[in-house]
Amino acid sequence: MNRIVLQPGTQGLRHQHPNAETVIYVLEGQARTLIGLHGEVVVDNQAGDFLFIPAGVWHQPMNVSDRPVVAIEARADADDQSNVILAPHQP
C-alpha cells in the first residue's frame, strides 16, 4: 500500500503493472485517470471513490482540482517500483 499525493495541476506518467492489479481509494480532492495506451477512456474520481485497475492496463493519474489529491493505493505487488512499464512517447 502507498499514500499518493498529487499537487494541483500535476499528473503521473502513463504506465502499467503487467502482473499486479491496483485499487485506489481517493481520500481528498478530484482526480482524473486516463485509461488505455493513448488515454482513450477518462475516469473522474472524487473523495470517497474507489478505482480498480486490472493488471496490464495502461493508466495515468492527474489532479484536476485546485487542491492536492490524496489517495491510498493497494497493489498486488510487494514492491511499488517493480513491474512498472512506462508508456512510450511521453514528454
C-alpha atoms as a PDB file:
ATOM      1  CA  MET A   1       0.000   0.000   0.000  1.00  0.00           C
ATOM      2  CA  ASN A   2       1.070   3.543  -0.694  1.00  0.00           C
ATOM      3  CA  ARG A   3      -0.160   7.022   0.094  1.00  0.00           C
ATOM      4  CA  ILE A   4      -0.217   9.130  -3.057  1.00  0.00           C
ATOM      5  CA  VAL A   5      -0.326  12.928  -3.150  1.00  0.00           C
ATOM      6  CA  LEU A   6      -0.759  14.800  -6.436  1.00  0.00           C
ATOM      7  CA  GLN A   7      -0.443  18.570  -6.253  1.00  0.00           C
ATOM      8  CA  PRO A   8      -2.877  20.748  -8.259  1.00  0.00           C
ATOM      9  CA  GLY A   9      -2.211  20.654 -11.989  1.00  0.00           C
ATOM     10  CA  THR A  10       0.180  17.694 -11.825  1.00  0.00           C
ATOM     11  CA  GLN A  11      -0.020  14.264 -13.377  1.00  0.00           C
ATOM     12  CA  GLY A  12       1.828  10.978 -13.268  1.00  0.00           C
ATOM     13  CA  LEU A  13       3.333   9.225 -16.256  1.00  0.00           C
ATOM     14  CA  ARG A  14       1.139   6.802 -18.196  1.00  0.00           C
ATOM     15  CA  HIS A  15       2.165   3.305 -17.159  1.00  0.00           C
ATOM     16  CA  GLN A  16       1.012  -0.229 -16.438  1.00  0.00           C
ATOM     17  CA  HIS A  17       1.733  -3.010 -13.972  1.00  0.00           C
ATOM     18  CA  PRO A  18       1.753  -6.197 -16.060  1.00  0.00           C
ATOM     19  CA  ASN A  19       1.461  -8.602 -13.126  1.00  0.00           C
ATOM     20  CA  ALA A  20      -0.458  -6.653 -10.490  1.00  0.00           C
ATOM     21  CA  GLU A  21      -3.975  -5.325 -10.045  1.00  0.00           C
ATOM     22  CA  THR A  22      -4.308  -1.908  -8.422  1.00  0.00           C
ATOM     23  CA  VAL A  23      -7.045  -0.493  -6.209  1.00  0.00           C
ATOM     24  CA  ILE A  24      -7.087   3.225  -5.433  1.00  0.00           C
ATOM     25  CA  TYR A  25      -9.224   4.976  -2.823  1.00  0.00           C
ATOM     26  CA  VAL A  26      -9.427   8.766  -3.140  1.00  0.00           C
ATOM     27  CA  LEU A  27      -9.285  10.462   0.268  1.00  0.00           C
ATOM     28  CA  GLU A  28      -9.224  14.118  -0.821  1.00  0.00           C
ATOM     29  CA  GLY A  29      -9.616  16.156  -3.991  1.00  0.00           C
ATOM     30  CA  GLN A  30     -10.706  15.386  -7.534  1.00  0.00           C
ATOM     31  CA  ALA A  31      -8.647  13.073  -9.670  1.00  0.00           C
ATOM     32  CA  ARG A  32      -8.844  12.037 -13.295  1.00  0.00           C
ATOM     33  CA  THR A  33      -7.393   8.806 -14.624  1.00  0.00           C
ATOM     34  CA  LEU A  34      -6.774   8.250 -18.316  1.00  0.00           C
ATOM     35  CA  ILE A  35      -7.145   4.571 -19.222  1.00  0.00           C
ATOM     36  CA  GLY A  36      -5.604   2.985 -22.325  1.00  0.00           C
ATOM     37  CA  LEU A  37      -2.306   3.448 -24.142  1.00  0.00           C
ATOM     38  CA  HIS A  38      -3.478   6.773 -25.575  1.00  0.00           C
ATOM     39  CA  GLY A  39      -5.858   7.747 -22.752  1.00  0.00           C
ATOM     40  CA  GLU A  40      -8.954   6.643 -24.661  1.00  0.00           C
ATOM     41  CA  VAL A  41     -11.122   6.318 -21.532  1.00  0.00           C
ATOM     42  CA  VAL A  42     -11.449   9.127 -18.983  1.00  0.00           C
ATOM     43  CA  VAL A  43     -12.479   8.268 -15.416  1.00  0.00           C
ATOM     44  CA  ASP A  44     -13.153  11.086 -12.959  1.00  0.00           C
ATOM     45  CA  ASN A  45     -12.998  10.350  -9.235  1.00  0.00           C
ATOM     46  CA  GLN A  46     -13.518  12.365  -6.081  1.00  0.00           C
ATOM     47  CA  ALA A  47     -13.062  11.805  -2.377  1.00  0.00           C
ATOM     48  CA  GLY A  48     -14.755   8.568  -1.329  1.00  0.00           C
ATOM     49  CA  ASP A  49     -14.410   6.823  -4.714  1.00  0.00           C
ATOM     50  CA  PHE A  50     -12.614   3.553  -5.460  1.00  0.00           C
ATOM     51  CA  LEU A  51     -10.866   2.843  -8.746  1.00  0.00           C
ATOM     52  CA  PHE A  52      -9.903  -0.696  -9.812  1.00  0.00           C
ATOM     53  CA  ILE A  53      -7.219  -1.082 -12.486  1.00  0.00           C
ATOM     54  CA  PRO A  54      -6.654  -4.624 -13.771  1.00  0.00           C
ATOM     55  CA  ALA A  55      -3.116  -5.902 -14.340  1.00  0.00           C
ATOM     56  CA  GLY A  56      -1.655  -4.840 -17.681  1.00  0.00           C
ATOM     57  CA  VAL A  57      -3.974  -1.840 -18.199  1.00  0.00           C
ATOM     58  CA  TRP A  58      -2.326   1.461 -19.151  1.00  0.00           C
ATOM     59  CA  HIS A  59      -3.310   4.307 -16.832  1.00  0.00           C
ATOM     60  CA  GLN A  60      -2.281   7.853 -15.974  1.00  0.00           C
ATOM     61  CA  PRO A  61      -3.392   9.758 -12.864  1.00  0.00           C
ATOM     62  CA  MET A  62      -3.843  13.509 -12.765  1.00  0.00           C
ATOM     63  CA  ASN A  63      -5.098  16.168 -10.411  1.00  0.00           C
ATOM     64  CA  VAL A  64      -7.925  18.252 -11.901  1.00  0.00           C
ATOM     65  CA  SER A  65      -8.682  20.236  -8.755  1.00  0.00           C
ATOM     66  CA  ASP A  66      -7.228  23.330  -7.113  1.00  0.00           C
ATOM     67  CA  ARG A  67      -6.114  21.420  -4.030  1.00  0.00           C
ATOM     68  CA  PRO A  68      -3.995  18.301  -3.503  1.00  0.00           C
ATOM     69  CA  VAL A  69      -5.396  14.895  -4.340  1.00  0.00           C
ATOM     70  CA  VAL A  70      -4.634  12.364  -1.624  1.00  0.00           C
ATOM     71  CA  ALA A  71      -5.252   8.677  -2.280  1.00  0.00           C
ATOM     72  CA  ILE A  72      -4.352   5.261  -0.939  1.00  0.00           C
ATOM     73  CA  GLU A  73      -3.142   2.700  -3.466  1.00  0.00           C
ATOM     74  CA  ALA A  74      -3.097  -1.030  -2.842  1.00  0.00           C
ATOM     75  CA  ARG A  75      -1.390  -3.226  -5.389  1.00  0.00           C
ATOM     76  CA  ALA A  76      -0.911  -6.960  -5.586  1.00  0.00           C
ATOM     77  CA  ASP A  77       2.858  -6.461  -5.736  1.00  0.00           C
ATOM     78  CA  ALA A  78       5.068  -6.043  -2.688  1.00  0.00           C
ATOM     79  CA  ASP A  79       7.463  -3.573  -4.371  1.00  0.00           C
ATOM     80  CA  ASP A  80       5.686  -0.488  -5.709  1.00  0.00           C
ATOM     81  CA  GLN A  81       8.501   0.217  -8.187  1.00  0.00           C
ATOM     82  CA  SER A  82       8.827  -3.264  -9.658  1.00  0.00           C
ATOM     83  CA  ASN A  83       6.858  -4.398 -12.666  1.00  0.00           C
ATOM     84  CA  VAL A  84       6.154  -0.855 -13.837  1.00  0.00           C
ATOM     85  CA  ILE A  85       6.282  -0.249 -17.584  1.00  0.00           C
ATOM     86  CA  LEU A  86       6.097   3.344 -18.826  1.00  0.00           C
ATOM     87  CA  ALA A  87       4.102   4.065 -21.964  1.00  0.00           C
ATOM     88  CA  PRO A  88       6.222   5.055 -24.972  1.00  0.00           C
ATOM     89  CA  HIS A  89       6.391   8.584 -26.369  1.00  0.00           C
ATOM     90  CA  GLN A  90       5.804  10.636 -23.239  1.00  0.00           C
ATOM     91  CA  PRO A  91       7.328  14.089 -22.758  1.00  0.00           C
END
